[in-house]
Amino acid sequence: ADGGRVAFGAIEDGFFAEFLALSG
């Protein structure tokens, strides 16, 4: 939102599931 950037690397299913749960 502020013009910054993030690296996203949730390759594995469990990690992606945690991303979904926390990010909404």
mmCIF file of all heavy atoms, coordinates in Angstrom:
data_MODEL
# 
_entry.id   MODEL 
# 
loop_
_atom_site.group_PDB 
_atom_site.id 
_atom_site.type_symbol 
_atom_site.label_atom_id 
_atom_site.label_alt_id 
_atom_site.label_comp_id 
_atom_site.label_asym_id 
_atom_site.label_entity_id 
_atom_site.label_seq_id 
_atom_site.pdbx_PDB_ins_code 
_atom_site.Cartn_x 
_atom_site.Cartn_y 
_atom_site.Cartn_z 
_atom_site.occupancy 
_atom_site.B_iso_or_equiv 
_atom_site.pdbx_formal_charge 
_atom_site.auth_seq_id 
_atom_site.auth_comp_id 
_atom_site.auth_asym_id 
_atom_site.auth_atom_id 
_atom_site.pdbx_PDB_model_num 
ATOM 1   N N   . ALA A 1 1  ? 0.805  -1.224  0.000  1.00 0.00 ? 1  ALA A N   1 
ATOM 2   C CA  . ALA A 1 1  ? 0.000  0.000   0.000  1.00 0.00 ? 1  ALA A CA  1 
ATOM 3   C C   . ALA A 1 1  ? 0.833  1.267   0.000  1.00 0.00 ? 1  ALA A C   1 
ATOM 4   O O   . ALA A 1 1  ? 0.392  2.309   -0.496 1.00 0.00 ? 1  ALA A O   1 
ATOM 5   C CB  . ALA A 1 1  ? -0.942 -0.014  1.200  1.00 0.00 ? 1  ALA A CB  1 
ATOM 6   N N   . ASP A 1 2  ? 2.029  1.218   0.568  1.00 0.00 ? 2  ASP A N   1 
ATOM 7   C CA  . ASP A 1 2  ? 2.864  2.408   0.686  1.00 0.00 ? 2  ASP A CA  1 
ATOM 8   C C   . ASP A 1 2  ? 3.917  2.517   -0.401 1.00 0.00 ? 2  ASP A C   1 
ATOM 9   O O   . ASP A 1 2  ? 4.822  3.351   -0.295 1.00 0.00 ? 2  ASP A O   1 
ATOM 10  C CB  . ASP A 1 2  ? 3.543  2.421   2.060  1.00 0.00 ? 2  ASP A CB  1 
ATOM 11  C CG  . ASP A 1 2  ? 4.422  1.191   2.278  1.00 0.00 ? 2  ASP A CG  1 
ATOM 12  O OD1 . ASP A 1 2  ? 4.244  0.191   1.533  1.00 0.00 ? 2  ASP A OD1 1 
ATOM 13  O OD2 . ASP A 1 2  ? 5.274  1.212   3.179  1.00 0.00 ? 2  ASP A OD2 1 
ATOM 14  N N   . GLY A 1 3  ? 3.824  1.701   -1.441 1.00 0.00 ? 3  GLY A N   1 
ATOM 15  C CA  . GLY A 1 3  ? 4.828  1.736   -2.496 1.00 0.00 ? 3  GLY A CA  1 
ATOM 16  C C   . GLY A 1 3  ? 6.024  0.844   -2.233 1.00 0.00 ? 3  GLY A C   1 
ATOM 17  O O   . GLY A 1 3  ? 6.960  0.823   -3.030 1.00 0.00 ? 3  GLY A O   1 
ATOM 18  N N   . GLY A 1 4  ? 5.993  0.127   -1.100 1.00 0.00 ? 4  GLY A N   1 
ATOM 19  C CA  . GLY A 1 4  ? 7.045  -0.835  -0.835 1.00 0.00 ? 4  GLY A CA  1 
ATOM 20  C C   . GLY A 1 4  ? 6.786  -2.143  -1.559 1.00 0.00 ? 4  GLY A C   1 
ATOM 21  O O   . GLY A 1 4  ? 5.859  -2.256  -2.378 1.00 0.00 ? 4  GLY A O   1 
ATOM 22  N N   . ARG A 1 5  ? 7.588  -3.150  -1.249 1.00 0.00 ? 5  ARG A N   1 
ATOM 23  C CA  . ARG A 1 5  ? 7.423  -4.455  -1.880 1.00 0.00 ? 5  ARG A CA  1 
ATOM 24  C C   . ARG A 1 5  ? 7.734  -5.551  -0.868 1.00 0.00 ? 5  ARG A C   1 
ATOM 25  O O   . ARG A 1 5  ? 8.530  -5.362  0.045  1.00 0.00 ? 5  ARG A O   1 
ATOM 26  C CB  . ARG A 1 5  ? 8.333  -4.607  -3.102 1.00 0.00 ? 5  ARG A CB  1 
ATOM 27  C CG  . ARG A 1 5  ? 7.957  -3.694  -4.261 1.00 0.00 ? 5  ARG A CG  1 
ATOM 28  C CD  . ARG A 1 5  ? 8.816  -3.962  -5.486 1.00 0.00 ? 5  ARG A CD  1 
ATOM 29  N NE  . ARG A 1 5  ? 8.382  -3.179  -6.620 1.00 0.00 ? 5  ARG A NE  1 
ATOM 30  C CZ  . ARG A 1 5  ? 8.850  -1.977  -6.934 1.00 0.00 ? 5  ARG A CZ  1 
ATOM 31  N NH1 . ARG A 1 5  ? 9.789  -1.426  -6.165 1.00 0.00 ? 5  ARG A NH1 1 
ATOM 32  N NH2 . ARG A 1 5  ? 8.413  -1.328  -7.990 1.00 0.00 ? 5  ARG A NH2 1 
ATOM 33  N N   . VAL A 1 6  ? 7.103  -6.704  -1.100 1.00 0.00 ? 6  VAL A N   1 
ATOM 34  C CA  . VAL A 1 6  ? 7.382  -7.883  -0.292 1.00 0.00 ? 6  VAL A CA  1 
ATOM 35  C C   . VAL A 1 6  ? 7.694  -9.047  -1.219 1.00 0.00 ? 6  VAL A C   1 
ATOM 36  O O   . VAL A 1 6  ? 7.248  -9.093  -2.366 1.00 0.00 ? 6  VAL A O   1 
ATOM 37  C CB  . VAL A 1 6  ? 6.191  -8.256  0.626  1.00 0.00 ? 6  VAL A CB  1 
ATOM 38  C CG1 . VAL A 1 6  ? 5.954  -7.186  1.666  1.00 0.00 ? 6  VAL A CG1 1 
ATOM 39  C CG2 . VAL A 1 6  ? 4.938  -8.522  -0.195 1.00 0.00 ? 6  VAL A CG2 1 
ATOM 40  N N   . ALA A 1 7  ? 8.469  -9.980  -0.692 1.00 0.00 ? 7  ALA A N   1 
ATOM 41  C CA  . ALA A 1 7  ? 8.725  -11.233 -1.388 1.00 0.00 ? 7  ALA A CA  1 
ATOM 42  C C   . ALA A 1 7  ? 7.797  -12.288 -0.796 1.00 0.00 ? 7  ALA A C   1 
ATOM 43  O O   . ALA A 1 7  ? 7.699  -12.431 0.428  1.00 0.00 ? 7  ALA A O   1 
ATOM 44  C CB  . ALA A 1 7  ? 10.183 -11.650 -1.214 1.00 0.00 ? 7  ALA A CB  1 
ATOM 45  N N   . PHE A 1 8  ? 7.120  -13.027 -1.679 1.00 0.00 ? 8  PHE A N   1 
ATOM 46  C CA  . PHE A 1 8  ? 6.161  -14.039 -1.252 1.00 0.00 ? 8  PHE A CA  1 
ATOM 47  C C   . PHE A 1 8  ? 6.653  -15.386 -1.774 1.00 0.00 ? 8  PHE A C   1 
ATOM 48  O O   . PHE A 1 8  ? 6.874  -15.548 -2.983 1.00 0.00 ? 8  PHE A O   1 
ATOM 49  C CB  . PHE A 1 8  ? 4.778  -13.706 -1.819 1.00 0.00 ? 8  PHE A CB  1 
ATOM 50  C CG  . PHE A 1 8  ? 3.702  -14.683 -1.447 1.00 0.00 ? 8  PHE A CG  1 
ATOM 51  C CD1 . PHE A 1 8  ? 3.610  -15.198 -0.162 1.00 0.00 ? 8  PHE A CD1 1 
ATOM 52  C CD2 . PHE A 1 8  ? 2.744  -15.071 -2.380 1.00 0.00 ? 8  PHE A CD2 1 
ATOM 53  C CE1 . PHE A 1 8  ? 2.603  -16.080 0.185  1.00 0.00 ? 8  PHE A CE1 1 
ATOM 54  C CE2 . PHE A 1 8  ? 1.739  -15.951 -2.043 1.00 0.00 ? 8  PHE A CE2 1 
ATOM 55  C CZ  . PHE A 1 8  ? 1.658  -16.457 -0.755 1.00 0.00 ? 8  PHE A CZ  1 
ATOM 56  N N   . GLY A 1 9  ? 6.842  -16.364 -0.872 1.00 0.00 ? 9  GLY A N   1 
ATOM 57  C CA  . GLY A 1 9  ? 7.428  -17.633 -1.294 1.00 0.00 ? 9  GLY A CA  1 
ATOM 58  C C   . GLY A 1 9  ? 6.746  -18.841 -0.683 1.00 0.00 ? 9  GLY A C   1 
ATOM 59  O O   . GLY A 1 9  ? 7.428  -19.791 -0.272 1.00 0.00 ? 9  GLY A O   1 
ATOM 60  N N   . ALA A 1 10 ? 5.424  -18.848 -0.644 1.00 0.00 ? 10 ALA A N   1 
ATOM 61  C CA  . ALA A 1 10 ? 4.694  -19.962 -0.026 1.00 0.00 ? 10 ALA A CA  1 
ATOM 62  C C   . ALA A 1 10 ? 4.467  -21.068 -1.050 1.00 0.00 ? 10 ALA A C   1 
ATOM 63  O O   . ALA A 1 10 ? 3.359  -21.263 -1.561 1.00 0.00 ? 10 ALA A O   1 
ATOM 64  C CB  . ALA A 1 10 ? 3.374  -19.481 0.556  1.00 0.00 ? 10 ALA A CB  1 
ATOM 65  N N   . ILE A 1 11 ? 5.511  -21.818 -1.353 1.00 0.00 ? 11 ILE A N   1 
ATOM 66  C CA  . ILE A 1 11 ? 5.411  -22.893 -2.347 1.00 0.00 ? 11 ILE A CA  1 
ATOM 67  C C   . ILE A 1 11 ? 4.616  -24.066 -1.800 1.00 0.00 ? 11 ILE A C   1 
ATOM 68  O O   . ILE A 1 11 ? 3.702  -24.587 -2.445 1.00 0.00 ? 11 ILE A O   1 
ATOM 69  C CB  . ILE A 1 11 ? 6.823  -23.338 -2.773 1.00 0.00 ? 11 ILE A CB  1 
ATOM 70  C CG1 . ILE A 1 11 ? 7.568  -22.173 -3.451 1.00 0.00 ? 11 ILE A CG1 1 
ATOM 71  C CG2 . ILE A 1 11 ? 6.742  -24.532 -3.709 1.00 0.00 ? 11 ILE A CG2 1 
ATOM 72  C CD1 . ILE A 1 11 ? 9.015  -22.510 -3.792 1.00 0.00 ? 11 ILE A CD1 1 
ATOM 73  N N   . GLU A 1 12 ? 4.940  -24.507 -0.588 1.00 0.00 ? 12 GLU A N   1 
ATOM 74  C CA  . GLU A 1 12 ? 4.307  -25.686 -0.013 1.00 0.00 ? 12 GLU A CA  1 
ATOM 75  C C   . GLU A 1 12 ? 2.870  -25.383 0.421  1.00 0.00 ? 12 GLU A C   1 
ATOM 76  O O   . GLU A 1 12 ? 2.544  -24.257 0.820  1.00 0.00 ? 12 GLU A O   1 
ATOM 77  C CB  . GLU A 1 12 ? 5.120  -26.191 1.175  1.00 0.00 ? 12 GLU A CB  1 
ATOM 78  C CG  . GLU A 1 12 ? 6.494  -26.725 0.797  1.00 0.00 ? 12 GLU A CG  1 
ATOM 79  C CD  . GLU A 1 12 ? 7.548  -25.629 0.624  1.00 0.00 ? 12 GLU A CD  1 
ATOM 80  O OE1 . GLU A 1 12 ? 7.204  -24.443 0.772  1.00 0.00 ? 12 GLU A OE1 1 
ATOM 81  O OE2 . GLU A 1 12 ? 8.703  -25.981 0.357  1.00 0.00 ? 12 GLU A OE2 1 
ATOM 82  N N   . ASP A 1 13 ? 2.026  -26.414 0.370  1.00 0.00 ? 13 ASP A N   1 
ATOM 83  C CA  . ASP A 1 13 ? 0.606  -26.233 0.679  1.00 0.00 ? 13 ASP A CA  1 
ATOM 84  C C   . ASP A 1 13 ? 0.394  -25.722 2.099  1.00 0.00 ? 13 ASP A C   1 
ATOM 85  O O   . ASP A 1 13 ? -0.455 -24.852 2.334  1.00 0.00 ? 13 ASP A O   1 
ATOM 86  C CB  . ASP A 1 13 ? -0.141 -27.563 0.491  1.00 0.00 ? 13 ASP A CB  1 
ATOM 87  C CG  . ASP A 1 13 ? -0.248 -27.964 -0.976 1.00 0.00 ? 13 ASP A CG  1 
ATOM 88  O OD1 . ASP A 1 13 ? -0.104 -27.082 -1.840 1.00 0.00 ? 13 ASP A OD1 1 
ATOM 89  O OD2 . ASP A 1 13 ? -0.459 -29.168 -1.243 1.00 0.00 ? 13 ASP A OD2 1 
ATOM 90  N N   . GLY A 1 14 ? 1.135  -26.258 3.061  1.00 0.00 ? 14 GLY A N   1 
ATOM 91  C CA  . GLY A 1 14 ? 0.968  -25.823 4.438  1.00 0.00 ? 14 GLY A CA  1 
ATOM 92  C C   . GLY A 1 14 ? 1.320  -24.356 4.635  1.00 0.00 ? 14 GLY A C   1 
ATOM 93  O O   . GLY A 1 14 ? 0.636  -23.633 5.370  1.00 0.00 ? 14 GLY A O   1 
ATOM 94  N N   . PHE A 1 15 ? 2.386  -23.920 3.982  1.00 0.00 ? 15 PHE A N   1 
ATOM 95  C CA  . PHE A 1 15 ? 2.783  -22.519 4.095  1.00 0.00 ? 15 PHE A CA  1 
ATOM 96  C C   . PHE A 1 15 ? 1.760  -21.605 3.428  1.00 0.00 ? 15 PHE A C   1 
ATOM 97  O O   . PHE A 1 15 ? 1.450  -20.517 3.934  1.00 0.00 ? 15 PHE A O   1 
ATOM 98  C CB  . PHE A 1 15 ? 4.156  -22.313 3.466  1.00 0.00 ? 15 PHE A CB  1 
ATOM 99  C CG  . PHE A 1 15 ? 5.261  -23.108 4.115  1.00 0.00 ? 15 PHE A CG  1 
ATOM 100 C CD1 . PHE A 1 15 ? 6.452  -23.319 3.452  1.00 0.00 ? 15 PHE A CD1 1 
ATOM 101 C CD2 . PHE A 1 15 ? 5.117  -23.643 5.384  1.00 0.00 ? 15 PHE A CD2 1 
ATOM 102 C CE1 . PHE A 1 15 ? 7.484  -24.045 4.039  1.00 0.00 ? 15 PHE A CE1 1 
ATOM 103 C CE2 . PHE A 1 15 ? 6.126  -24.374 5.987  1.00 0.00 ? 15 PHE A CE2 1 
ATOM 104 C CZ  . PHE A 1 15 ? 7.317  -24.581 5.306  1.00 0.00 ? 15 PHE A CZ  1 
ATOM 105 N N   . PHE A 1 16 ? 1.232  -22.048 2.281  1.00 0.00 ? 16 PHE A N   1 
ATOM 106 C CA  . PHE A 1 16 ? 0.228  -21.231 1.598  1.00 0.00 ? 16 PHE A CA  1 
ATOM 107 C C   . PHE A 1 16 ? -1.050 -21.149 2.433  1.00 0.00 ? 16 PHE A C   1 
ATOM 108 O O   . PHE A 1 16 ? -1.687 -20.093 2.507  1.00 0.00 ? 16 PHE A O   1 
ATOM 109 C CB  . PHE A 1 16 ? -0.075 -21.811 0.217  1.00 0.00 ? 16 PHE A CB  1 
ATOM 110 C CG  . PHE A 1 16 ? -0.837 -20.872 -0.671 1.00 0.00 ? 16 PHE A CG  1 
ATOM 111 C CD1 . PHE A 1 16 ? -0.197 -19.849 -1.351 1.00 0.00 ? 16 PHE A CD1 1 
ATOM 112 C CD2 . PHE A 1 16 ? -2.219 -20.999 -0.814 1.00 0.00 ? 16 PHE A CD2 1 
ATOM 113 C CE1 . PHE A 1 16 ? -0.907 -18.971 -2.162 1.00 0.00 ? 16 PHE A CE1 1 
ATOM 114 C CE2 . PHE A 1 16 ? -2.944 -20.128 -1.623 1.00 0.00 ? 16 PHE A CE2 1 
ATOM 115 C CZ  . PHE A 1 16 ? -2.283 -19.112 -2.293 1.00 0.00 ? 16 PHE A CZ  1 
ATOM 116 N N   . ALA A 1 17 ? -1.408 -22.244 3.083  1.00 0.00 ? 17 ALA A N   1 
ATOM 117 C CA  . ALA A 1 17 ? -2.589 -22.233 3.947  1.00 0.00 ? 17 ALA A CA  1 
ATOM 118 C C   . ALA A 1 17 ? -2.406 -21.248 5.101  1.00 0.00 ? 17 ALA A C   1 
ATOM 119 O O   . ALA A 1 17 ? -3.352 -20.538 5.489  1.00 0.00 ? 17 ALA A O   1 
ATOM 120 C CB  . ALA A 1 17 ? -2.862 -23.638 4.479  1.00 0.00 ? 17 ALA A CB  1 
ATOM 121 N N   . GLU A 1 18 ? -1.199 -21.186 5.651  1.00 0.00 ? 18 GLU A N   1 
ATOM 122 C CA  . GLU A 1 18 ? -0.958 -20.228 6.740  1.00 0.00 ? 18 GLU A CA  1 
ATOM 123 C C   . GLU A 1 18 ? -1.040 -18.796 6.225  1.00 0.00 ? 18 GLU A C   1 
ATOM 124 O O   . GLU A 1 18 ? -1.554 -17.906 6.910  1.00 0.00 ? 18 GLU A O   1 
ATOM 125 C CB  . GLU A 1 18 ? 0.408  -20.491 7.366  1.00 0.00 ? 18 GLU A CB  1 
ATOM 126 C CG  . GLU A 1 18 ? 0.690  -19.603 8.558  1.00 0.00 ? 18 GLU A CG  1 
ATOM 127 C CD  . GLU A 1 18 ? 1.672  -20.220 9.534  1.00 0.00 ? 18 GLU A CD  1 
ATOM 128 O OE1 . GLU A 1 18 ? 2.101  -21.369 9.325  1.00 0.00 ? 18 GLU A OE1 1 
ATOM 129 O OE2 . GLU A 1 18 ? 2.013  -19.534 10.522 1.00 0.00 ? 18 GLU A OE2 1 
ATOM 130 N N   . PHE A 1 19 ? -0.548 -18.567 5.005  1.00 0.00 ? 19 PHE A N   1 
ATOM 131 C CA  . PHE A 1 19 ? -0.682 -17.233 4.410  1.00 0.00 ? 19 PHE A CA  1 
ATOM 132 C C   . PHE A 1 19 ? -2.150 -16.852 4.286  1.00 0.00 ? 19 PHE A C   1 
ATOM 133 O O   . PHE A 1 19 ? -2.535 -15.722 4.640  1.00 0.00 ? 19 PHE A O   1 
ATOM 134 C CB  . PHE A 1 19 ? -0.015 -17.194 3.042  1.00 0.00 ? 19 PHE A CB  1 
ATOM 135 C CG  . PHE A 1 19 ? -0.425 -16.008 2.220  1.00 0.00 ? 19 PHE A CG  1 
ATOM 136 C CD1 . PHE A 1 19 ? 0.090  -14.751 2.486  1.00 0.00 ? 19 PHE A CD1 1 
ATOM 137 C CD2 . PHE A 1 19 ? -1.368 -16.146 1.199  1.00 0.00 ? 19 PHE A CD2 1 
ATOM 138 C CE1 . PHE A 1 19 ? -0.318 -13.639 1.747  1.00 0.00 ? 19 PHE A CE1 1 
ATOM 139 C CE2 . PHE A 1 19 ? -1.771 -15.045 0.462  1.00 0.00 ? 19 PHE A CE2 1 
ATOM 140 C CZ  . PHE A 1 19 ? -1.245 -13.792 0.733  1.00 0.00 ? 19 PHE A CZ  1 
ATOM 141 N N   . LEU A 1 20 ? -2.970 -17.765 3.782  1.00 0.00 ? 20 LEU A N   1 
ATOM 142 C CA  . LEU A 1 20 ? -4.388 -17.459 3.627  1.00 0.00 ? 20 LEU A CA  1 
ATOM 143 C C   . LEU A 1 20 ? -5.036 -17.137 4.962  1.00 0.00 ? 20 LEU A C   1 
ATOM 144 O O   . LEU A 1 20 ? -5.822 -16.190 5.087  1.00 0.00 ? 20 LEU A O   1 
ATOM 145 C CB  . LEU A 1 20 ? -5.106 -18.635 2.964  1.00 0.00 ? 20 LEU A CB  1 
ATOM 146 C CG  . LEU A 1 20 ? -4.730 -18.952 1.512  1.00 0.00 ? 20 LEU A CG  1 
ATOM 147 C CD1 . LEU A 1 20 ? -5.486 -20.185 1.028  1.00 0.00 ? 20 LEU A CD1 1 
ATOM 148 C CD2 . LEU A 1 20 ? -5.017 -17.758 0.605  1.00 0.00 ? 20 LEU A CD2 1 
ATOM 149 N N   . ALA A 1 21 ? -4.722 -17.921 5.981  1.00 0.00 ? 21 ALA A N   1 
ATOM 150 C CA  . ALA A 1 21 ? -5.336 -17.719 7.296  1.00 0.00 ? 21 ALA A CA  1 
ATOM 151 C C   . ALA A 1 21 ? -4.963 -16.369 7.892  1.00 0.00 ? 21 ALA A C   1 
ATOM 152 O O   . ALA A 1 21 ? -5.804 -15.686 8.486  1.00 0.00 ? 21 ALA A O   1 
ATOM 153 C CB  . ALA A 1 21 ? -4.914 -18.849 8.229  1.00 0.00 ? 21 ALA A CB  1 
ATOM 154 N N   . LEU A 1 22 ? -3.715 -15.960 7.743  1.00 0.00 ? 22 LEU A N   1 
ATOM 155 C CA  . LEU A 1 22 ? -3.263 -14.708 8.355  1.00 0.00 ? 22 LEU A CA  1 
ATOM 156 C C   . LEU A 1 22 ? -3.641 -13.484 7.529  1.00 0.00 ? 22 LEU A C   1 
ATOM 157 O O   . LEU A 1 22 ? -3.917 -12.415 8.083  1.00 0.00 ? 22 LEU A O   1 
ATOM 158 C CB  . LEU A 1 22 ? -1.744 -14.753 8.556  1.00 0.00 ? 22 LEU A CB  1 
ATOM 159 C CG  . LEU A 1 22 ? -1.247 -15.717 9.633  1.00 0.00 ? 22 LEU A CG  1 
ATOM 160 C CD1 . LEU A 1 22 ? 0.268  -15.842 9.576  1.00 0.00 ? 22 LEU A CD1 1 
ATOM 161 C CD2 . LEU A 1 22 ? -1.688 -15.242 11.009 1.00 0.00 ? 22 LEU A CD2 1 
ATOM 162 N N   . SER A 1 23 ? -3.624 -13.616 6.219  1.00 0.00 ? 23 SER A N   1 
ATOM 163 C CA  . SER A 1 23 ? -3.887 -12.456 5.362  1.00 0.00 ? 23 SER A CA  1 
ATOM 164 C C   . SER A 1 23 ? -5.363 -12.169 5.203  1.00 0.00 ? 23 SER A C   1 
ATOM 165 O O   . SER A 1 23 ? -5.754 -11.053 4.851  1.00 0.00 ? 23 SER A O   1 
ATOM 166 C CB  . SER A 1 23 ? -3.282 -12.692 3.975  1.00 0.00 ? 23 SER A CB  1 
ATOM 167 O OG  . SER A 1 23 ? -3.964 -13.743 3.296  1.00 0.00 ? 23 SER A OG  1 
ATOM 168 N N   . GLY A 1 24 ? -6.212 -13.181 5.442  1.00 0.00 ? 24 GLY A N   1 
ATOM 169 C CA  . GLY A 1 24 ? -7.640 -13.002 5.231  1.00 0.00 ? 24 GLY A CA  1 
ATOM 170 C C   . GLY A 1 24 ? -8.067 -13.185 3.795  1.00 0.00 ? 24 GLY A C   1 
ATOM 171 O O   . GLY A 1 24 ? -9.229 -12.932 3.442  1.00 0.00 ? 24 GLY A O   1 
# 
